[in-house]
Amino acid sequence: MDNKTNWLDYDVDEMVRGDRDYLWHHIKPHKVFQTAEQMIIVEGKGLRVKDIRGREYLDATSGGVWSVMVGHGRDSIAAAVYEQLKILSYYAGTVGNIPGIKFAAKLIELLPRLSKVFFSNSGSEANEKAFKVVRQLSHIDPDRKGKYKVLFRDRDYHGTTIGALSATGQMERKQDFGPFAEGFAEFPHMLCYRCPFGKSYPGCDIDCARSLEDVILKEGPDTVGGCIVEPITAGGGIMVPVQEYYPILQTICRKYGVYLIMDEVVCGFGRTGKFWGHDQYDVDPDIITMAKGLASSYMPLSATVFRQNIFDKFLCDPGQPAERMNYFRDISTYGGCTGAMTAALESTRIIEEEQLVENSRVVGAYLLEGLQSLSDMKLVGDVRGKGLFCGMEFVKDKQTKESITEGEMGRLMGLVAAEGVLVGRTNSSLPGNNTIMNFAPALVATKSEMDEIVTAVKRALEKF
């Protein structure tokens, strides 16, 4: 008799009770759900997901946080991971493994100006590795002595650890978690709709980018070693820089010997209609971090990718007492999971063979056009985006740009969900401005599915 437990079996009412009694959901106030049932998603295929009560939705968020790039329910990823786990599931990253070597090689093929890949578990960890490299070099590299500080941009998000939060420009995400790590400083954001300098493009001299130099000079050029940015700001409101922005930022970084760290955790793997978000711009980062779409979130995995000249600074002689500790003394337990790297290999194969980056560009432009067609409706203040990554900001007054309230935003989200579409929003991030609805469907999206999203938003606005 086969006594194996089938972990796919469940009783609906038991799961509903268990969800309430045992789970602490992420970034959600639980008080309201003490008596109300929370959503439980049980299956998905493509862009469609189904909850435990049998209700179906179009998932316009790629799994809630923009990461299921190839869509739900890919049999080939599950099969590839299964086969790998039977051979070897894990060995620490102190040694190599076959899928890890193969995927590192693939990443360098996709990032030919970089050369070394460090695997870890999450976007937060990937960014922490970059910060630790900057800090360690400020001690061991004579040319970078004292350059330990990392600058970050207002409204950018870089992760949930204390170090990553220290480099995050979202005050509500940071509230009550301090004190934060010393050595991080903020410079202004680049959203034209809410220009921090009160100017209008193109007659603004791109002051948002030039302000980086002001912060470097204020902090002391001899103390600043890194600058981290998202190519397109994600959780801070889907903010797309103008084309001149990154060349200016890069020039300033090189002038002062500051490593430019590009956080591709959200934008990488085709989200913006280019394989990498920074490919939308004339910019050449020194360090690139990635997660989410890396394995389409079929398995957790992140990576930090470095230029060869940075890696070379850690080639110490362990036989020399003065150099013995000058290697990168860091490890990530789950950076040795072979199944995750196999999932990444197969997900990347799908993205390339099915030309999903191009689909993101074409269908994303169609989605943006559809959302922009709603610009004259009440509450719609701004519509922006690139590829399958769009945002719609809601305001009470289109002239003053006063945001709608949190309660009004919650009601609007509920009305869209009632139309059978799940969209995202800025959430406990920006004081008085958590009013940006975001759209980031899987890269397999079709134009007809984008019509469903636009129609759902239109109907929600009409009912508001």
Protein backbone atom coordinates (compact mmCIF):
# COMPACT_ATOMS: atom_id res chain seq x y z
CA MET A 1 0.00 0.00 0.00
CA ASP A 2 1.23 3.47 -0.90
CA ASN A 3 1.28 5.54 2.30
CA LYS A 4 2.66 8.72 0.74
CA THR A 5 1.02 11.96 1.83
CA ASN A 6 -0.50 14.00 -0.97
CA TRP A 7 0.42 17.56 -0.02
CA LEU A 8 -1.83 18.89 -2.77
CA ASP A 9 -4.98 17.72 -0.97
CA TYR A 10 -6.77 20.22 1.27
CA ASP A 11 -10.10 21.00 2.88
CA VAL A 12 -11.33 24.50 2.00
CA ASP A 13 -12.73 25.44 5.39
CA GLU A 14 -9.67 24.04 7.18
CA MET A 15 -7.37 26.16 5.00
CA VAL A 16 -9.43 29.29 5.58
CA ARG A 17 -9.21 28.77 9.34
CA GLY A 18 -5.51 27.95 9.11
CA ASP A 19 -4.82 31.09 7.10
CA ARG A 20 -6.45 33.19 9.82
CA ASP A 21 -4.97 31.30 12.77
CA TYR A 22 -1.38 30.58 11.68
CA LEU A 23 -0.18 32.86 8.89
CA TRP A 24 1.30 36.33 9.31
CA HIS A 25 0.77 37.87 5.87
CA HIS A 26 3.28 40.24 4.36
CA ILE A 27 2.84 44.02 4.55
CA LYS A 28 -0.82 43.78 5.56
CA PRO A 29 -2.73 45.18 8.56
CA HIS A 30 -4.39 42.09 10.03
CA LYS A 31 -6.95 43.67 12.32
CA VAL A 32 -9.55 43.93 9.57
CA PHE A 33 -9.18 40.22 8.76
CA GLN A 34 -9.83 38.88 12.25
CA THR A 35 -13.43 38.31 11.22
CA ALA A 36 -13.23 38.60 7.42
CA GLU A 37 -11.79 35.96 5.09
CA GLN A 38 -8.55 36.78 3.29
CA MET A 39 -7.84 35.79 -0.29
CA ILE A 40 -6.09 32.44 -0.74
CA ILE A 41 -4.72 31.79 -4.24
CA VAL A 42 -4.60 28.08 -5.11
CA GLU A 43 -3.67 27.77 -8.78
CA GLY A 44 -2.58 29.70 -11.82
CA LYS A 45 -2.01 29.34 -15.55
CA GLY A 46 -0.59 32.08 -17.72
CA LEU A 47 -2.10 35.32 -16.43
CA ARG A 48 -5.07 33.61 -14.78
CA VAL A 49 -5.24 32.69 -11.10
CA LYS A 50 -8.00 31.07 -9.03
CA ASP A 51 -8.74 31.54 -5.36
CA ILE A 52 -9.82 28.89 -2.88
CA ARG A 53 -13.50 29.73 -3.44
CA GLY A 54 -13.21 29.14 -7.18
CA ARG A 55 -13.17 32.78 -8.25
CA GLU A 56 -10.92 33.50 -11.24
CA TYR A 57 -8.89 36.66 -11.78
CA LEU A 58 -6.59 38.13 -14.38
CA ASP A 59 -3.31 38.66 -12.52
CA ALA A 60 -1.96 42.02 -13.66
CA THR A 61 0.83 41.87 -11.05
CA SER A 62 2.83 38.76 -12.04
CA GLY A 63 2.21 37.12 -8.69
CA GLY A 64 1.65 40.27 -6.65
CA VAL A 65 5.20 41.64 -6.78
CA TRP A 66 5.99 41.67 -10.52
CA SER A 67 8.10 38.52 -10.63
CA VAL A 68 6.39 35.63 -12.50
CA MET A 69 7.79 36.73 -15.84
CA VAL A 70 6.89 33.65 -17.92
CA GLY A 71 3.41 33.25 -16.45
CA HIS A 72 1.98 30.75 -14.00
CA GLY A 73 1.96 26.99 -14.49
CA ARG A 74 5.01 26.31 -16.68
CA ASP A 75 5.41 22.54 -16.77
CA SER A 76 8.91 22.69 -18.24
CA ILE A 77 10.26 24.63 -15.24
CA ALA A 78 8.70 22.20 -12.76
CA ALA A 79 10.06 19.23 -14.73
CA ALA A 80 13.57 20.67 -14.99
CA VAL A 81 13.72 21.41 -11.26
CA TYR A 82 12.39 17.94 -10.42
CA GLU A 83 15.07 16.23 -12.50
CA GLN A 84 17.83 18.34 -10.96
CA LEU A 85 16.65 17.75 -7.38
CA LYS A 86 16.88 14.00 -7.92
CA ILE A 87 20.56 14.38 -8.83
CA LEU A 88 21.68 17.06 -6.35
CA SER A 89 19.46 19.46 -4.44
CA TYR A 90 22.06 21.50 -2.61
CA TYR A 91 25.66 22.15 -1.77
CA ALA A 92 26.95 25.40 -0.29
CA GLY A 93 28.30 28.08 -2.59
CA THR A 94 31.80 27.46 -1.27
CA VAL A 95 32.04 25.06 -4.23
CA GLY A 96 30.54 25.04 -7.70
CA ASN A 97 27.57 23.11 -9.04
CA ILE A 98 26.53 22.43 -12.62
CA PRO A 99 23.37 24.56 -12.94
CA GLY A 100 25.09 27.37 -11.04
CA ILE A 101 28.02 27.39 -13.47
CA LYS A 102 25.70 27.24 -16.47
CA PHE A 103 23.49 30.06 -15.26
CA ALA A 104 26.42 32.27 -14.27
CA ALA A 105 27.76 31.83 -17.80
CA LYS A 106 24.35 32.76 -19.21
CA LEU A 107 24.21 35.93 -17.11
CA ILE A 108 27.64 37.01 -18.33
CA GLU A 109 26.50 36.34 -21.90
CA LEU A 110 23.62 38.74 -21.19
CA LEU A 111 25.90 41.23 -19.40
CA PRO A 112 29.14 41.05 -21.42
CA ARG A 113 30.81 44.02 -19.71
CA LEU A 114 30.59 42.27 -16.34
CA SER A 115 32.29 39.01 -15.42
CA LYS A 116 31.60 37.56 -11.94
CA VAL A 117 28.32 36.32 -10.43
CA PHE A 118 27.58 35.93 -6.71
CA PHE A 119 24.36 33.99 -5.99
CA SER A 120 22.12 34.54 -2.97
CA ASN A 121 18.48 34.28 -1.98
CA SER A 122 16.61 37.56 -2.43
CA GLY A 123 16.85 41.05 -3.83
CA SER A 124 17.59 42.40 -0.37
CA GLU A 125 20.55 40.01 -0.07
CA ALA A 126 21.79 40.84 -3.56
CA ASN A 127 21.92 44.53 -2.65
CA GLU A 128 23.56 43.77 0.70
CA LYS A 129 26.38 42.01 -1.17
CA ALA A 130 26.96 45.14 -3.23
CA PHE A 131 27.04 47.31 -0.10
CA LYS A 132 29.45 44.94 1.63
CA VAL A 133 31.81 45.00 -1.34
CA VAL A 134 31.82 48.82 -1.29
CA ARG A 135 32.47 48.84 2.46
CA GLN A 136 35.14 46.14 2.48
CA LEU A 137 37.05 47.87 -0.30
CA SER A 138 36.98 51.08 1.73
CA HIS A 139 39.21 49.20 4.19
CA ILE A 140 41.43 46.97 2.05
CA ASP A 141 41.93 48.91 -1.21
CA PRO A 142 44.41 51.80 -0.87
CA ASP A 143 42.73 53.58 -3.81
CA ARG A 144 39.34 53.47 -2.08
CA LYS A 145 40.28 54.00 1.55
CA GLY A 146 37.45 55.59 3.48
CA LYS A 147 34.93 55.44 0.56
CA TYR A 148 32.30 53.49 2.50
CA LYS A 149 29.14 55.52 2.00
CA VAL A 150 26.35 54.53 -0.39
CA LEU A 151 23.98 57.10 -1.87
CA PHE A 152 20.40 56.21 -2.79
CA ARG A 153 17.52 57.96 -4.50
CA ASP A 154 14.34 59.23 -2.88
CA ARG A 155 11.38 56.88 -3.56
CA ASP A 156 13.58 53.92 -4.63
CA TYR A 157 13.23 50.64 -2.73
CA HIS A 158 16.15 48.25 -2.26
CA GLY A 159 14.98 45.63 0.19
CA THR A 160 13.69 44.57 3.56
CA THR A 161 16.85 44.03 5.63
CA ILE A 162 18.14 46.84 7.85
CA GLY A 163 21.00 47.54 5.45
CA ALA A 164 18.74 47.57 2.38
CA LEU A 165 16.15 49.69 4.18
CA SER A 166 18.94 52.11 5.12
CA ALA A 167 19.35 52.61 1.37
CA THR A 168 15.62 52.95 0.67
CA GLY A 169 13.91 56.25 -0.06
CA GLN A 170 10.44 55.36 1.22
CA MET A 171 9.78 56.82 4.63
CA GLU A 172 6.73 54.72 5.47
CA ARG A 173 8.57 51.49 4.65
CA LYS A 174 11.30 52.58 7.06
CA GLN A 175 9.09 53.95 9.83
CA ASP A 176 9.74 52.46 13.28
CA PHE A 177 12.46 50.06 12.06
CA GLY A 178 15.36 52.32 12.99
CA PRO A 179 17.97 53.13 13.96
CA PHE A 180 19.38 52.43 10.52
CA ALA A 181 22.92 51.72 9.39
CA GLU A 182 25.27 54.69 9.23
CA GLY A 183 26.82 55.61 5.91
CA PHE A 184 23.79 56.01 3.64
CA ALA A 185 22.57 59.32 2.20
CA GLU A 186 19.65 60.28 -0.05
CA PHE A 187 19.47 62.39 -3.19
CA PRO A 188 16.29 63.68 -4.93
CA HIS A 189 13.98 61.57 -7.10
CA MET A 190 13.44 62.14 -10.82
CA LEU A 191 9.64 62.00 -11.33
CA CYS A 192 8.76 64.86 -13.66
CA TYR A 193 5.10 64.79 -12.60
CA ARG A 194 6.15 65.76 -9.08
CA CYS A 195 9.49 67.45 -9.80
CA PRO A 196 11.33 68.01 -6.50
CA PHE A 197 12.69 71.27 -7.95
CA GLY A 198 9.36 72.62 -9.20
CA LYS A 199 10.62 72.69 -12.78
CA SER A 200 9.36 71.32 -16.10
CA TYR A 201 11.21 69.13 -18.61
CA PRO A 202 13.06 69.88 -20.86
CA GLY A 203 13.86 73.33 -19.49
CA CYS A 204 15.12 71.95 -16.18
CA ASP A 205 18.78 71.11 -16.96
CA ILE A 206 17.99 67.66 -15.50
CA ASP A 207 18.68 69.02 -12.01
CA CYS A 208 17.41 65.77 -10.48
CA ALA A 209 20.47 63.99 -11.87
CA ARG A 210 22.91 66.83 -11.22
CA SER A 211 21.81 66.95 -7.58
CA LEU A 212 23.81 63.75 -7.02
CA GLU A 213 27.00 65.81 -7.20
CA ASP A 214 25.68 68.18 -4.55
CA VAL A 215 25.12 65.28 -2.16
CA ILE A 216 28.55 63.79 -2.89
CA LEU A 217 30.19 67.14 -2.11
CA LYS A 218 28.12 67.52 1.05
CA GLU A 219 29.02 64.02 2.29
CA GLY A 220 32.64 64.35 1.19
CA PRO A 221 33.90 62.79 -2.07
CA ASP A 222 36.55 60.83 -0.17
CA THR A 223 33.79 59.05 1.80
CA VAL A 224 31.37 58.06 -0.99
CA GLY A 225 31.94 54.67 -2.61
CA GLY A 226 28.62 53.66 -4.16
CA CYS A 227 25.38 54.94 -5.63
CA ILE A 228 22.42 52.57 -5.97
CA VAL A 229 19.37 53.20 -8.17
CA GLU A 230 16.54 51.30 -9.83
CA PRO A 231 16.59 51.80 -13.64
CA ILE A 232 12.89 52.63 -13.40
CA THR A 233 11.63 53.24 -9.88
CA ALA A 234 9.18 50.45 -9.08
CA GLY A 235 7.45 50.47 -5.69
CA GLY A 236 7.98 54.21 -5.39
CA GLY A 237 5.47 54.83 -8.16
CA ILE A 238 6.61 53.48 -11.59
CA MET A 239 8.90 56.44 -12.31
CA VAL A 240 10.62 56.54 -15.71
CA PRO A 241 13.69 58.82 -15.99
CA VAL A 242 14.21 60.95 -19.09
CA GLN A 243 16.88 59.76 -21.51
CA GLU A 244 19.46 62.33 -20.40
CA TYR A 245 19.25 61.26 -16.78
CA TYR A 246 21.60 58.28 -16.52
CA PRO A 247 24.46 59.60 -18.66
CA ILE A 248 24.63 62.59 -16.29
CA LEU A 249 24.44 60.35 -13.22
CA GLN A 250 27.16 58.07 -14.58
CA THR A 251 29.48 60.98 -15.41
CA ILE A 252 29.20 62.24 -11.84
CA CYS A 253 29.86 58.77 -10.40
CA ARG A 254 32.99 58.33 -12.51
CA LYS A 255 34.23 61.80 -11.69
CA TYR A 256 34.29 60.92 -7.99
CA GLY A 257 35.20 57.22 -8.18
CA VAL A 258 31.73 56.07 -7.10
CA TYR A 259 30.54 52.61 -8.13
CA LEU A 260 27.18 52.82 -9.93
CA ILE A 261 25.01 49.96 -8.63
CA MET A 262 21.96 49.19 -10.77
CA ASP A 263 19.17 47.41 -8.90
CA GLU A 264 17.51 45.30 -11.62
CA VAL A 265 15.50 43.24 -9.12
CA VAL A 266 12.20 44.39 -10.67
CA CYS A 267 13.21 45.69 -14.10
CA GLY A 268 15.46 42.85 -15.24
CA PHE A 269 14.50 39.94 -17.52
CA GLY A 270 12.29 41.90 -19.90
CA ARG A 271 9.93 43.81 -17.65
CA THR A 272 10.49 47.17 -19.41
CA GLY A 273 10.66 45.91 -23.01
CA LYS A 274 14.44 45.51 -22.95
CA PHE A 275 16.16 42.55 -21.30
CA TRP A 276 17.60 44.87 -18.66
CA GLY A 277 15.95 48.03 -17.47
CA HIS A 278 19.18 49.98 -17.80
CA ASP A 279 19.33 48.97 -21.49
CA GLN A 280 16.71 51.66 -22.02
CA TYR A 281 19.48 54.20 -21.35
CA ASP A 282 23.07 55.01 -22.29
CA VAL A 283 24.57 53.78 -19.02
CA ASP A 284 27.16 51.18 -18.03
CA PRO A 285 26.85 50.10 -14.37
CA ASP A 286 29.72 48.73 -12.28
CA ILE A 287 27.54 46.34 -10.25
CA ILE A 288 24.13 44.91 -11.14
CA THR A 289 21.75 43.20 -8.71
CA MET A 290 18.79 41.01 -9.67
CA ALA A 291 16.14 38.67 -8.25
CA LYS A 292 12.35 38.28 -8.88
CA GLY A 293 12.34 37.51 -12.64
CA LEU A 294 15.66 35.71 -12.33
CA ALA A 295 13.80 32.40 -11.97
CA SER A 296 10.31 33.85 -12.53
CA SER A 297 9.82 33.19 -8.79
CA TYR A 298 9.34 29.49 -9.41
CA MET A 299 12.23 29.23 -6.95
CA PRO A 300 13.89 31.93 -4.80
CA LEU A 301 17.17 33.18 -6.25
CA SER A 302 19.13 36.40 -6.59
CA ALA A 303 22.48 37.44 -7.98
CA THR A 304 24.96 40.28 -7.73
CA VAL A 305 27.13 40.69 -10.83
CA PHE A 306 30.44 42.56 -10.81
CA ARG A 307 33.04 43.96 -13.16
CA GLN A 308 36.29 42.00 -13.32
CA ASN A 309 38.32 44.88 -11.89
CA ILE A 310 36.18 44.83 -8.73
CA PHE A 311 36.57 41.07 -8.33
CA ASP A 312 40.33 41.38 -8.85
CA LYS A 313 40.63 43.65 -5.81
CA PHE A 314 39.78 40.64 -3.62
CA LEU A 315 42.50 38.36 -5.06
CA CYS A 316 44.58 38.36 -1.88
CA ASP A 317 47.43 36.04 -0.93
CA PRO A 318 46.17 33.96 2.04
CA GLY A 319 49.78 33.14 2.88
CA GLN A 320 50.55 36.78 3.64
CA PRO A 321 49.38 37.83 7.13
CA ALA A 322 48.62 41.37 5.97
CA GLU A 323 46.36 40.06 3.17
CA ARG A 324 44.87 36.97 4.78
CA MET A 325 41.45 38.53 5.38
CA ASN A 326 41.22 40.51 2.14
CA TYR A 327 38.91 38.15 0.24
CA PHE A 328 35.13 38.65 0.11
CA ARG A 329 34.14 36.92 3.34
CA ASP A 330 30.48 36.41 2.61
CA ILE A 331 28.16 33.42 2.15
CA SER A 332 24.46 32.92 1.46
CA THR A 333 23.05 29.54 2.42
CA TYR A 334 20.45 29.47 -0.32
CA GLY A 335 22.94 30.61 -2.92
CA GLY A 336 23.74 26.91 -3.27
CA CYS A 337 20.29 25.62 -4.25
CA THR A 338 20.63 23.81 -7.57
CA GLY A 339 16.89 23.71 -8.16
CA ALA A 340 16.66 27.50 -8.14
CA MET A 341 19.47 27.84 -10.68
CA THR A 342 17.83 25.21 -12.88
CA ALA A 343 14.55 27.12 -12.71
CA ALA A 344 16.45 30.25 -13.74
CA LEU A 345 18.02 28.49 -16.71
CA GLU A 346 14.67 27.24 -17.95
CA SER A 347 12.85 30.52 -17.30
CA THR A 348 15.51 32.43 -19.22
CA ARG A 349 15.31 29.92 -22.08
CA ILE A 350 11.56 30.52 -22.28
CA ILE A 351 12.01 34.30 -22.26
CA GLU A 352 14.46 34.11 -25.14
CA GLU A 353 12.86 31.39 -27.28
CA GLU A 354 9.35 32.83 -26.99
CA GLN A 355 10.66 36.36 -27.60
CA LEU A 356 8.97 37.62 -24.46
CA VAL A 357 11.12 40.75 -24.19
CA GLU A 358 9.80 41.92 -27.54
CA ASN A 359 6.29 40.95 -26.46
CA SER A 360 6.77 43.10 -23.37
CA ARG A 361 7.73 46.04 -25.56
CA VAL A 362 4.83 45.68 -28.00
CA VAL A 363 2.04 44.64 -25.63
CA GLY A 364 3.36 47.03 -22.98
CA ALA A 365 3.07 49.97 -25.39
CA TYR A 366 -0.49 48.84 -26.12
CA LEU A 367 -1.31 48.69 -22.40
CA LEU A 368 0.17 52.14 -21.79
CA GLU A 369 -1.82 53.58 -24.67
CA GLY A 370 -5.00 52.01 -23.28
CA LEU A 371 -4.39 53.40 -19.81
CA GLN A 372 -3.56 56.83 -21.25
CA SER A 373 -6.95 56.80 -22.98
CA LEU A 374 -8.42 57.13 -19.47
CA SER A 375 -6.43 60.28 -18.68
CA ASP A 376 -9.44 62.57 -18.96
CA MET A 377 -11.46 60.59 -16.42
CA LYS A 378 -11.92 61.92 -12.91
CA LEU A 379 -9.12 61.16 -10.43
CA VAL A 380 -6.53 60.25 -13.10
CA GLY A 381 -3.54 62.52 -12.59
CA ASP A 382 -0.73 60.83 -14.48
CA VAL A 383 -0.14 57.67 -16.52
CA ARG A 384 3.42 56.49 -17.09
CA GLY A 385 5.43 53.38 -17.82
CA LYS A 386 7.76 51.40 -20.05
CA GLY A 387 7.11 47.92 -21.41
CA LEU A 388 4.79 45.77 -19.28
CA PHE A 389 5.37 48.08 -16.34
CA CYS A 390 2.86 50.89 -16.02
CA GLY A 391 1.50 53.15 -13.31
CA MET A 392 -1.56 55.35 -12.89
CA GLU A 393 -1.52 58.07 -10.23
CA PHE A 394 -4.81 59.26 -8.74
CA VAL A 395 -5.50 62.79 -7.53
CA LYS A 396 -8.46 64.77 -6.20
CA ASP A 397 -7.48 67.88 -8.15
CA LYS A 398 -5.64 67.67 -11.47
CA GLN A 399 -4.30 71.21 -11.11
CA THR A 400 -2.94 71.04 -7.56
CA LYS A 401 -2.16 67.30 -7.84
CA GLU A 402 -3.53 66.68 -4.36
CA SER A 403 -3.63 62.91 -3.90
CA ILE A 404 -6.79 60.99 -3.11
CA THR A 405 -6.93 59.49 0.38
CA GLU A 406 -5.71 56.04 1.40
CA GLY A 407 -9.32 55.02 1.99
CA GLU A 408 -10.34 56.16 -1.48
CA MET A 409 -7.41 54.28 -2.99
CA GLY A 410 -8.45 51.13 -1.15
CA ARG A 411 -11.98 51.46 -2.44
CA LEU A 412 -10.72 51.91 -6.00
CA MET A 413 -8.57 48.80 -5.71
CA GLY A 414 -11.58 46.83 -4.51
CA LEU A 415 -13.67 48.01 -7.45
CA VAL A 416 -11.01 46.83 -9.92
CA ALA A 417 -10.78 43.44 -8.19
CA ALA A 418 -14.57 43.14 -8.37
CA GLU A 419 -14.15 43.32 -12.16
CA GLY A 420 -11.98 40.20 -12.00
CA VAL A 421 -8.58 41.90 -12.31
CA LEU A 422 -5.86 42.02 -9.65
CA VAL A 423 -3.68 45.13 -9.83
CA GLY A 424 -1.03 46.50 -7.49
CA ARG A 425 -0.48 49.81 -5.70
CA THR A 426 2.07 51.74 -3.71
CA ASN A 427 1.63 50.36 -0.21
CA SER A 428 2.77 52.01 3.04
CA SER A 429 5.63 53.67 1.21
CA LEU A 430 5.13 57.36 0.50
CA PRO A 431 3.52 59.69 3.07
CA GLY A 432 0.35 61.11 1.54
CA ASN A 433 1.06 59.61 -1.88
CA ASN A 434 0.29 55.86 -1.74
CA THR A 435 -2.07 56.46 -4.61
CA ILE A 436 -0.32 54.94 -7.63
CA MET A 437 -1.92 51.85 -9.16
CA ASN A 438 0.61 49.63 -10.89
CA PHE A 439 0.33 47.11 -13.70
CA ALA A 440 3.00 44.48 -14.35
CA PRO A 441 1.48 41.40 -15.99
CA ALA A 442 3.56 38.41 -17.02
CA LEU A 443 5.50 38.84 -20.24
CA VAL A 444 3.22 36.33 -22.01
CA ALA A 445 0.41 38.89 -21.89
CA THR A 446 -1.77 39.44 -24.96
CA LYS A 447 -3.43 42.61 -26.22
CA SER A 448 -6.86 41.17 -25.46
CA GLU A 449 -5.82 40.63 -21.84
CA MET A 450 -4.60 44.23 -21.69
CA ASP A 451 -8.05 45.29 -22.92
CA GLU A 452 -9.51 43.46 -19.91
CA ILE A 453 -7.24 45.40 -17.56
CA VAL A 454 -8.08 48.78 -19.08
CA THR A 455 -11.79 47.99 -19.11
CA ALA A 456 -11.70 46.96 -15.44
CA VAL A 457 -9.99 50.22 -14.43
CA LYS A 458 -12.42 52.26 -16.54
CA ARG A 459 -15.45 50.60 -14.97
CA ALA A 460 -14.00 51.04 -11.49
CA LEU A 461 -13.52 54.77 -12.12
CA GLU A 462 -17.04 55.07 -13.47
CA LYS A 463 -18.45 53.40 -10.35
CA PHE A 464 -16.31 55.38 -7.91
